[in-house]
C-alpha atoms as a PDB file:
ATOM      1  CA  UNK A   1      43.881 123.743 180.745  1.00  0.00           C
ATOM      2  CA  UNK A   2      40.369 123.614 182.201  1.00  0.00           C
ATOM      3  CA  UNK A   3      37.657 121.185 181.131  1.00  0.00           C
ATOM      4  CA  UNK A   4      35.763 123.968 179.327  1.00  0.00           C
ATOM      5  CA  UNK A   5      38.912 124.950 177.417  1.00  0.00           C
ATOM      6  CA  UNK A   6      39.460 121.336 176.368  1.00  0.00           C
ATOM      7  CA  UNK A   7      35.854 121.019 175.202  1.00  0.00           C
ATOM      8  CA  UNK A   8      36.100 124.310 173.329  1.00  0.00           C
ATOM      9  CA  UNK A   9      39.314 123.187 171.640  1.00  0.00           C
ATOM     10  CA  UNK A  10      37.731 119.861 170.657  1.00  0.00           C
ATOM     11  CA  UNK A  11      34.656 121.595 169.224  1.00  0.00           C
ATOM     12  CA  UNK A  12      36.840 124.027 167.252  1.00  0.00           C
ATOM     13  CA  UNK A  13      38.788 121.100 165.798  1.00  0.00           C
ATOM     14  CA  UNK A  14      35.541 119.387 164.799  1.00  0.00           C
ATOM     15  CA  UNK A  15      34.330 122.619 163.187  1.00  0.00           C
ATOM     16  CA  UNK A  16      37.605 122.932 161.281  1.00  0.00           C
ATOM     17  CA  UNK A  17      37.397 119.306 160.130  1.00  0.00           C
ATOM     18  CA  UNK A  18      33.780 119.833 159.046  1.00  0.00           C
ATOM     19  CA  UNK A  19      34.789 122.884 157.026  1.00  0.00           C
ATOM     20  CA  UNK A  20      37.595 120.988 155.282  1.00  0.00           C
ATOM     21  CA  UNK A  21      35.295 118.060 154.481  1.00  0.00           C
ATOM     22  CA  UNK A  22      32.624 120.391 153.090  1.00  0.00           C
ATOM     23  CA  UNK A  23      35.196 122.175 150.904  1.00  0.00           C
ATOM     24  CA  UNK A  24      36.445 118.825 149.591  1.00  0.00           C
ATOM     25  CA  UNK A  25      32.897 117.606 148.919  1.00  0.00           C
ATOM     26  CA  UNK A  26      31.915 120.809 147.087  1.00  0.00           C
ATOM     27  CA  UNK A  27      35.098 120.678 145.017  1.00  0.00           C
ATOM     28  CA  UNK A  28      34.384 117.029 144.136  1.00  0.00           C
ATOM     29  CA  UNK A  29      30.762 117.744 143.151  1.00  0.00           C
ATOM     30  CA  UNK A  30      31.745 120.739 141.001  1.00  0.00           C
ATOM     31  CA  UNK A  31      34.325 118.658 139.147  1.00  0.00           C
ATOM     32  CA  UNK A  32      31.859 115.771 138.841  1.00  0.00           C
ATOM     33  CA  UNK A  33      29.311 118.031 137.134  1.00  0.00           C
ATOM     34  CA  UNK A  34      32.006 119.495 134.887  1.00  0.00           C
ATOM     35  CA  UNK A  35      33.309 116.031 133.984  1.00  0.00           C
ATOM     36  CA  UNK A  36      29.829 114.846 133.062  1.00  0.00           C
ATOM     37  CA  UNK A  37      29.664 117.429 130.261  1.00  0.00           C
ATOM     38  CA  UNK A  38      32.845 115.845 128.862  1.00  0.00           C
ATOM     39  CA  UNK A  39      31.847 112.264 129.672  1.00  0.00           C
ATOM     40  CA  UNK A  40      31.859 111.221 126.028  1.00  0.00           C
ATOM     41  CA  UNK A  41      35.424 112.489 125.582  1.00  0.00           C
ATOM     42  CA  UNK A  42      36.480 110.757 128.805  1.00  0.00           C
ATOM     43  CA  UNK A  43      34.841 107.581 127.531  1.00  0.00           C
ATOM     44  CA  UNK A  44      36.822 107.914 124.303  1.00  0.00           C
ATOM     45  CA  UNK A  45      40.047 108.296 126.284  1.00  0.00           C
ATOM     46  CA  UNK A  46      39.413 105.217 128.445  1.00  0.00           C
ATOM     47  CA  UNK A  47      38.324 103.071 125.514  1.00  0.00           C
ATOM     48  CA  UNK A  48      41.329 104.062 123.381  1.00  0.00           C
ATOM     49  CA  UNK A  49      43.565 101.144 124.553  1.00  0.00           C
ATOM     50  CA  UNK A  50      40.921  98.725 123.288  1.00  0.00           C
ATOM     51  CA  UNK A  51      40.489 100.656 120.038  1.00  0.00           C
ATOM     52  CA  UNK A  52      44.246 100.724 119.408  1.00  0.00           C
ATOM     53  CA  UNK A  53      44.641  97.030 120.207  1.00  0.00           C
ATOM     54  CA  UNK A  54      41.988  95.924 117.677  1.00  0.00           C
ATOM     55  CA  UNK A  55      42.277  98.544 114.933  1.00  0.00           C
ATOM     56  CA  UNK A  56      44.367  96.355 112.588  1.00  0.00           C
ATOM     57  CA  UNK A  57      42.691  92.960 113.084  1.00  0.00           C
ATOM     58  CA  UNK A  58      40.301  93.379 110.149  1.00  0.00           C
ATOM     59  CA  UNK A  59      37.169  92.990 112.292  1.00  0.00           C
ATOM     60  CA  UNK A  60      34.432  95.541 112.831  1.00  0.00           C
ATOM     61  CA  UNK A  61      34.640  96.016 116.554  1.00  0.00           C
ATOM     62  CA  UNK A  62      32.113  97.700 118.798  1.00  0.00           C
ATOM     63  CA  UNK A  63      31.136  98.031 122.443  1.00  0.00           C
ATOM     64  CA  UNK A  64      27.555  97.139 123.308  1.00  0.00           C
ATOM     65  CA  UNK A  65      25.122  97.805 126.155  1.00  0.00           C
ATOM     66  CA  UNK A  66      22.278  95.474 127.088  1.00  0.00           C
ATOM     67  CA  UNK A  67      20.325  97.626 129.514  1.00  0.00           C
ATOM     68  CA  UNK A  68      18.539 100.840 128.598  1.00  0.00           C
ATOM     69  CA  UNK A  69      20.190 102.856 131.392  1.00  0.00           C
ATOM     70  CA  UNK A  70      23.622 101.224 131.150  1.00  0.00           C
ATOM     71  CA  UNK A  71      25.392 103.895 129.086  1.00  0.00           C
ATOM     72  CA  UNK A  72      23.957 106.729 131.181  1.00  0.00           C
ATOM     73  CA  UNK A  73      25.104 105.081 134.430  1.00  0.00           C
ATOM     74  CA  UNK A  74      28.490 104.354 132.870  1.00  0.00           C
ATOM     75  CA  UNK A  75      28.924 108.040 132.000  1.00  0.00           C
ATOM     76  CA  UNK A  76      28.065 108.917 135.617  1.00  0.00           C
ATOM     77  CA  UNK A  77      30.636 106.405 136.851  1.00  0.00           C
ATOM     78  CA  UNK A  78      33.318 107.763 134.498  1.00  0.00           C
ATOM     79  CA  UNK A  79      32.568 111.328 135.579  1.00  0.00           C
ATOM     80  CA  UNK A  80      32.814 110.512 139.275  1.00  0.00           C
ATOM     81  CA  UNK A  81      35.992 108.474 138.806  1.00  0.00           C
ATOM     82  CA  UNK A  82      37.666 111.284 136.882  1.00  0.00           C
ATOM     83  CA  UNK A  83      36.498 113.920 139.357  1.00  0.00           C
ATOM     84  CA  UNK A  84      37.858 111.899 142.275  1.00  0.00           C
ATOM     85  CA  UNK A  85      41.137 111.343 140.430  1.00  0.00           C
ATOM     86  CA  UNK A  86      41.519 115.074 139.750  1.00  0.00           C
ATOM     87  CA  UNK A  87      40.428 116.277 143.198  1.00  0.00           C
ATOM     88  CA  UNK A  88      42.672 113.913 145.177  1.00  0.00           C
ATOM     89  CA  UNK A  89      45.489 116.510 145.407  1.00  0.00           C
ATOM     90  CA  UNK A  90      42.981 119.102 146.649  1.00  0.00           C
ATOM     91  CA  UNK A  91      41.617 116.680 149.260  1.00  0.00           C
ATOM     92  CA  UNK A  92      45.164 115.928 150.420  1.00  0.00           C
ATOM     93  CA  UNK A  93      45.776 119.676 150.640  1.00  0.00           C
ATOM     94  CA  UNK A  94      42.707 120.065 152.883  1.00  0.00           C
ATOM     95  CA  UNK A  95      43.974 117.247 155.100  1.00  0.00           C
ATOM     96  CA  UNK A  96      47.349 118.966 155.274  1.00  0.00           C
ATOM     97  CA  UNK A  97      45.768 122.308 156.243  1.00  0.00           C
ATOM     98  CA  UNK A  98      43.846 120.547 159.013  1.00  0.00           C
ATOM     99  CA  UNK A  99      46.799 118.727 160.583  1.00  0.00           C
ATOM    100  CA  UNK A 100      49.601 121.235 159.851  1.00  0.00           C
ATOM    101  CA  UNK A 101      48.783 123.724 162.666  1.00  0.00           C
ATOM    102  CA  UNK A 102      49.280 120.972 165.238  1.00  0.00           C
ATOM    103  CA  UNK A 103      52.688 119.897 163.957  1.00  0.00           C
ATOM    104  CA  UNK A 104      56.167 121.110 164.775  1.00  0.00           C
ATOM    105  CA  UNK A 105      58.274 122.583 162.001  1.00  0.00           C
ATOM    106  CA  UNK A 106      60.419 119.458 161.573  1.00  0.00           C
ATOM    107  CA  UNK A 107      57.270 117.292 161.483  1.00  0.00           C
ATOM    108  CA  UNK A 108      55.835 119.446 158.691  1.00  0.00           C
ATOM    109  CA  UNK A 109      59.035 119.056 156.699  1.00  0.00           C
ATOM    110  CA  UNK A 110      58.860 115.287 157.226  1.00  0.00           C
ATOM    111  CA  UNK A 111      55.219 114.815 156.140  1.00  0.00           C
ATOM    112  CA  UNK A 112      54.974 117.305 153.258  1.00  0.00           C
ATOM    113  CA  UNK A 113      57.007 115.176 150.769  1.00  0.00           C
ATOM    114  CA  UNK A 114      54.586 112.276 151.300  1.00  0.00           C
ATOM    115  CA  UNK A 115      51.597 114.465 150.469  1.00  0.00           C
ATOM    116  CA  UNK A 116      53.308 115.366 147.206  1.00  0.00           C
ATOM    117  CA  UNK A 117      54.500 111.833 146.469  1.00  0.00           C
ATOM    118  CA  UNK A 118      51.117 110.157 147.061  1.00  0.00           C
ATOM    119  CA  UNK A 119      49.243 111.601 144.023  1.00  0.00           C
ATOM    120  CA  UNK A 120      52.391 111.309 141.884  1.00  0.00           C
ATOM    121  CA  UNK A 121      52.679 107.568 142.586  1.00  0.00           C
ATOM    122  CA  UNK A 122      48.943 107.104 142.040  1.00  0.00           C
ATOM    123  CA  UNK A 123      49.249 108.857 138.676  1.00  0.00           C
ATOM    124  CA  UNK A 124      52.248 106.694 137.695  1.00  0.00           C
ATOM    125  CA  UNK A 125      50.289 103.547 138.551  1.00  0.00           C
ATOM    126  CA  UNK A 126      47.402 104.721 136.375  1.00  0.00           C
ATOM    127  CA  UNK A 127      49.754 105.510 133.482  1.00  0.00           C
ATOM    128  CA  UNK A 128      51.308 102.044 133.702  1.00  0.00           C
ATOM    129  CA  UNK A 129      47.860 100.454 133.376  1.00  0.00           C
ATOM    130  CA  UNK A 130      46.692 102.687 130.573  1.00  0.00           C
ATOM    131  CA  UNK A 131      49.758 102.680 128.347  1.00  0.00           C
ATOM    132  CA  UNK A 132      51.252  99.231 128.957  1.00  0.00           C
ATOM    133  CA  UNK A 133      49.182  96.709 130.930  1.00  0.00           C
ATOM    134  CA  UNK A 134      45.773  97.189 129.283  1.00  0.00           C
ATOM    135  CA  UNK A 135      46.993  96.928 125.643  1.00  0.00           C
ATOM    136  CA  UNK A 136      48.921  93.746 126.487  1.00  0.00           C
ATOM    137  CA  UNK A 137      45.995  92.264 128.426  1.00  0.00           C
ATOM    138  CA  UNK A 138      43.508  93.058 125.652  1.00  0.00           C
ATOM    139  CA  UNK A 139      45.674  91.357 123.032  1.00  0.00           C
ATOM    140  CA  UNK A 140      46.115  88.366 125.341  1.00  0.00           C
ATOM    141  CA  UNK A 141      42.359  87.928 125.836  1.00  0.00           C
ATOM    142  CA  UNK A 142      41.590  88.468 122.154  1.00  0.00           C
ATOM    143  CA  UNK A 143      44.043  85.697 121.244  1.00  0.00           C
ATOM    144  CA  UNK A 144      41.393  83.201 122.428  1.00  0.00           C
ATOM    145  CA  UNK A 145      38.931  84.247 119.735  1.00  0.00           C
ATOM    146  CA  UNK A 146      38.130  81.700 117.055  1.00  0.00           C
ATOM    147  CA  UNK A 147      37.100  82.054 113.414  1.00  0.00           C
ATOM    148  CA  UNK A 148      34.870  78.977 113.631  1.00  0.00           C
ATOM    149  CA  UNK A 149      36.991  76.625 111.517  1.00  0.00           C
ATOM    150  CA  UNK A 150      37.578  74.264 114.432  1.00  0.00           C
ATOM    151  CA  UNK A 151      34.577  75.164 116.607  1.00  0.00           C
ATOM    152  CA  UNK A 152      31.782  75.248 113.964  1.00  0.00           C
ATOM    153  CA  UNK A 153      30.765  78.704 115.236  1.00  0.00           C
ATOM    154  CA  UNK A 154      33.079  81.715 115.572  1.00  0.00           C
ATOM    155  CA  UNK A 155      33.979  82.956 119.031  1.00  0.00           C
ATOM    156  CA  UNK A 156      34.196  86.742 118.966  1.00  0.00           C
ATOM    157  CA  UNK A 157      34.254  89.345 121.693  1.00  0.00           C
ATOM    158  CA  UNK A 158      31.208  91.577 122.060  1.00  0.00           C
ATOM    159  CA  UNK A 159      32.412  93.687 124.971  1.00  0.00           C
ATOM    160  CA  UNK A 160      29.889  95.528 127.136  1.00  0.00           C
ATOM    161  CA  UNK A 161      30.546  99.209 127.740  1.00  0.00           C
ATOM    162  CA  UNK A 162      29.985  99.006 131.481  1.00  0.00           C
ATOM    163  CA  UNK A 163      32.080  95.866 132.009  1.00  0.00           C
ATOM    164  CA  UNK A 164      35.021  97.123 129.968  1.00  0.00           C
ATOM    165  CA  UNK A 165      35.156 100.553 131.594  1.00  0.00           C
ATOM    166  CA  UNK A 166      34.644  99.066 135.060  1.00  0.00           C
ATOM    167  CA  UNK A 167      37.646  96.828 134.418  1.00  0.00           C
ATOM    168  CA  UNK A 168      39.808  99.764 133.287  1.00  0.00           C
ATOM    169  CA  UNK A 169      38.843 101.939 136.252  1.00  0.00           C
ATOM    170  CA  UNK A 170      39.295  99.052 138.687  1.00  0.00           C
ATOM    171  CA  UNK A 171      42.802  98.404 137.368  1.00  0.00           C
ATOM    172  CA  UNK A 172      43.757 102.089 137.483  1.00  0.00           C
ATOM    173  CA  UNK A 173      42.529 102.322 141.069  1.00  0.00           C
ATOM    174  CA  UNK A 174      44.224  99.037 142.075  1.00  0.00           C
ATOM    175  CA  UNK A 175      47.573 100.054 140.566  1.00  0.00           C
ATOM    176  CA  UNK A 176      47.322 103.570 141.992  1.00  0.00           C
ATOM    177  CA  UNK A 177      46.658 102.299 145.524  1.00  0.00           C
ATOM    178  CA  UNK A 178      49.326  99.598 145.251  1.00  0.00           C
ATOM    179  CA  UNK A 179      51.917 102.171 144.192  1.00  0.00           C
ATOM    180  CA  UNK A 180      51.536 103.801 147.627  1.00  0.00           C
ATOM    181  CA  UNK A 181      53.715 101.017 149.072  1.00  0.00           C
ATOM    182  CA  UNK A 182      56.861 103.192 149.443  1.00  0.00           C
ATOM    183  CA  UNK A 183      54.853 105.914 151.177  1.00  0.00           C
ATOM    184  CA  UNK A 184      53.308 103.459 153.658  1.00  0.00           C
ATOM    185  CA  UNK A 185      56.598 101.738 154.473  1.00  0.00           C
ATOM    186  CA  UNK A 186      58.457 105.027 154.843  1.00  0.00           C
ATOM    187  CA  UNK A 187      55.818 106.361 157.240  1.00  0.00           C
ATOM    188  CA  UNK A 188      55.955 103.133 159.246  1.00  0.00           C
ATOM    189  CA  UNK A 189      59.730 103.517 159.416  1.00  0.00           C
ATOM    190  CA  UNK A 190      59.419 107.078 160.715  1.00  0.00           C
ATOM    191  CA  UNK A 191      57.248 105.992 163.629  1.00  0.00           C
ATOM    192  CA  UNK A 192      59.491 103.022 164.375  1.00  0.00           C
ATOM    193  CA  UNK A 193      57.217 100.152 163.327  1.00  0.00           C
ATOM    194  CA  UNK A 194      59.642  98.751 160.708  1.00  0.00           C
ATOM    195  CA  UNK A 195      63.290  99.172 159.784  1.00  0.00           C
ATOM    196  CA  UNK A 196      65.443  98.286 156.794  1.00  0.00           C
ATOM    197  CA  UNK A 197      66.708  95.033 158.351  1.00  0.00           C
ATOM    198  CA  UNK A 198      63.139  93.951 159.070  1.00  0.00           C
ATOM    199  CA  UNK A 199      62.175  94.568 155.424  1.00  0.00           C
ATOM    200  CA  UNK A 200      65.242  92.737 154.101  1.00  0.00           C
ATOM    201  CA  UNK A 201      64.707  89.643 156.260  1.00  0.00           C
ATOM    202  CA  UNK A 202      61.064  89.329 155.240  1.00  0.00           C
ATOM    203  CA  UNK A 203      61.629  89.857 151.532  1.00  0.00           C
ATOM    204  CA  UNK A 204      60.713  86.259 150.605  1.00  0.00           C
ATOM    205  CA  UNK A 205      57.383  86.529 152.443  1.00  0.00           C
ATOM    206  CA  UNK A 206      56.664  89.874 150.817  1.00  0.00           C
ATOM    207  CA  UNK A 207      57.166  88.344 147.344  1.00  0.00           C
ATOM    208  CA  UNK A 208      54.436  85.792 148.096  1.00  0.00           C
ATOM    209  CA  UNK A 209      52.135  88.454 149.571  1.00  0.00           C
ATOM    210  CA  UNK A 210      52.625  90.758 146.565  1.00  0.00           C
ATOM    211  CA  UNK A 211      51.776  88.040 144.035  1.00  0.00           C
ATOM    212  CA  UNK A 212      48.755  87.012 146.120  1.00  0.00           C
ATOM    213  CA  UNK A 213      47.574  90.629 146.292  1.00  0.00           C
ATOM    214  CA  UNK A 214      48.121  91.026 142.537  1.00  0.00           C
ATOM    215  CA  UNK A 215      45.968  87.933 141.942  1.00  0.00           C
ATOM    216  CA  UNK A 216      43.169  89.398 144.078  1.00  0.00           C
ATOM    217  CA  UNK A 217      43.284  92.930 142.651  1.00  0.00           C
ATOM    218  CA  UNK A 218      43.488  92.030 138.963  1.00  0.00           C
ATOM    219  CA  UNK A 219      41.587  89.774 136.541  1.00  0.00           C
ATOM    220  CA  UNK A 220      42.643  86.103 136.457  1.00  0.00           C
ATOM    221  CA  UNK A 221      45.257  86.478 133.738  1.00  0.00           C
ATOM    222  CA  UNK A 222      49.068  86.446 133.889  1.00  0.00           C
ATOM    223  CA  UNK A 223      49.549  89.764 132.081  1.00  0.00           C
ATOM    224  CA  UNK A 224      47.881  92.060 134.618  1.00  0.00           C
ATOM    225  CA  UNK A 225      49.017  89.998 137.610  1.00  0.00           C
ATOM    226  CA  UNK A 226      52.677  90.059 136.607  1.00  0.00           C
ATOM    227  CA  UNK A 227      52.272  93.664 135.437  1.00  0.00           C
ATOM    228  CA  UNK A 228      51.246  94.649 138.977  1.00  0.00           C
ATOM    229  CA  UNK A 229      53.539  92.305 140.909  1.00  0.00           C
ATOM    230  CA  UNK A 230      56.830  93.278 139.242  1.00  0.00           C
ATOM    231  CA  UNK A 231      56.453  97.057 139.792  1.00  0.00           C
ATOM    232  CA  UNK A 232      55.459  96.373 143.412  1.00  0.00           C
ATOM    233  CA  UNK A 233      58.583  94.274 143.924  1.00  0.00           C
ATOM    234  CA  UNK A 234      60.682  97.105 142.486  1.00  0.00           C
ATOM    235  CA  UNK A 235      58.904  99.617 144.722  1.00  0.00           C
ATOM    236  CA  UNK A 236      59.502  97.361 147.721  1.00  0.00           C
ATOM    237  CA  UNK A 237      63.239  97.323 147.012  1.00  0.00           C
ATOM    238  CA  UNK A 238      63.208 101.102 146.606  1.00  0.00           C
ATOM    239  CA  UNK A 239      61.332 101.335 149.913  1.00  0.00           C
ATOM    240  CA  UNK A 240      64.183  99.516 151.647  1.00  0.00           C
ATOM    241  CA  UNK A 241      66.617 102.173 150.392  1.00  0.00           C
ATOM    242  CA  UNK A 242      64.178 104.893 151.478  1.00  0.00           C
ATOM    243  CA  UNK A 243      63.828 103.404 154.967  1.00  0.00           C
ATOM    244  CA  UNK A 244      67.620 103.048 155.228  1.00  0.00           C
ATOM    245  CA  UNK A 245      67.993 106.712 154.289  1.00  0.00           C
ATOM    246  CA  UNK A 246      65.489 107.691 157.004  1.00  0.00           C
ATOM    247  CA  UNK A 247      67.408 105.627 159.559  1.00  0.00           C
ATOM    248  CA  UNK A 248      70.726 107.234 158.610  1.00  0.00           C
ATOM    249  CA  UNK A 249      69.182 110.691 158.834  1.00  0.00           C
ATOM    250  CA  UNK A 250      67.745 109.923 162.288  1.00  0.00           C
ATOM    251  CA  UNK A 251      71.149 108.657 163.436  1.00  0.00           C
ATOM    252  CA  UNK A 252      72.896 111.804 162.216  1.00  0.00           C
ATOM    253  CA  UNK A 253      70.297 114.043 163.873  1.00  0.00           C
ATOM    254  CA  UNK A 254      70.617 112.184 167.157  1.00  0.00           C
ATOM    255  CA  UNK A 255      74.428 112.567 167.126  1.00  0.00           C
ATOM    256  CA  UNK A 256      74.367 116.207 166.046  1.00  0.00           C
END
């Protein structure tokens, strides 16, 4: 291949990448605008764990904002977060369309399951936060409220809209990213960076790393930290089985 052909091929790849990025960006912006029209409903959905956790405590609860623009900016943040969450599969599809022409058939079959599994695991991580971790964490934090009998003045939560929703979205994102652990380890196994024996021997170090990561990614409370660490430990054990399966399949293919 001549130098001009190589340059032409490189430019065509850049043009293709640019097209895919533009499509993804347009899709994200369209969904962002659409989500903004339903921002109040999205807000209601994200605030529901808090509402359900406090509905029977006999206190008139509310969320407050202390800056004039805070609610507006919060709605923008919710809209963008939801749009990104929804468009992730489309973005992954654009990435797949960009890299697929350069792959062999067996390589396509190997990578395609990961493109499907990635948004599924992210969604499962978000569901775990929304339906289990957040209600437990909210009740844990509210247990430190005081009626004022022993403190002279009552201690009651007046949660800010922006801070509460930022916490929820941060946890959903943290759990969603952390749930990609099996995908990452399986891909590393396919390219020969790790193997099942390597993962088994370093299990005790991984336990420490997982709990340290959970402490960094979550608020400083035991509920969310343990709620992230335990699923990650389970996913790590499942990853070992997945890596072992990949190794066995490679061995069979090499002896076929």
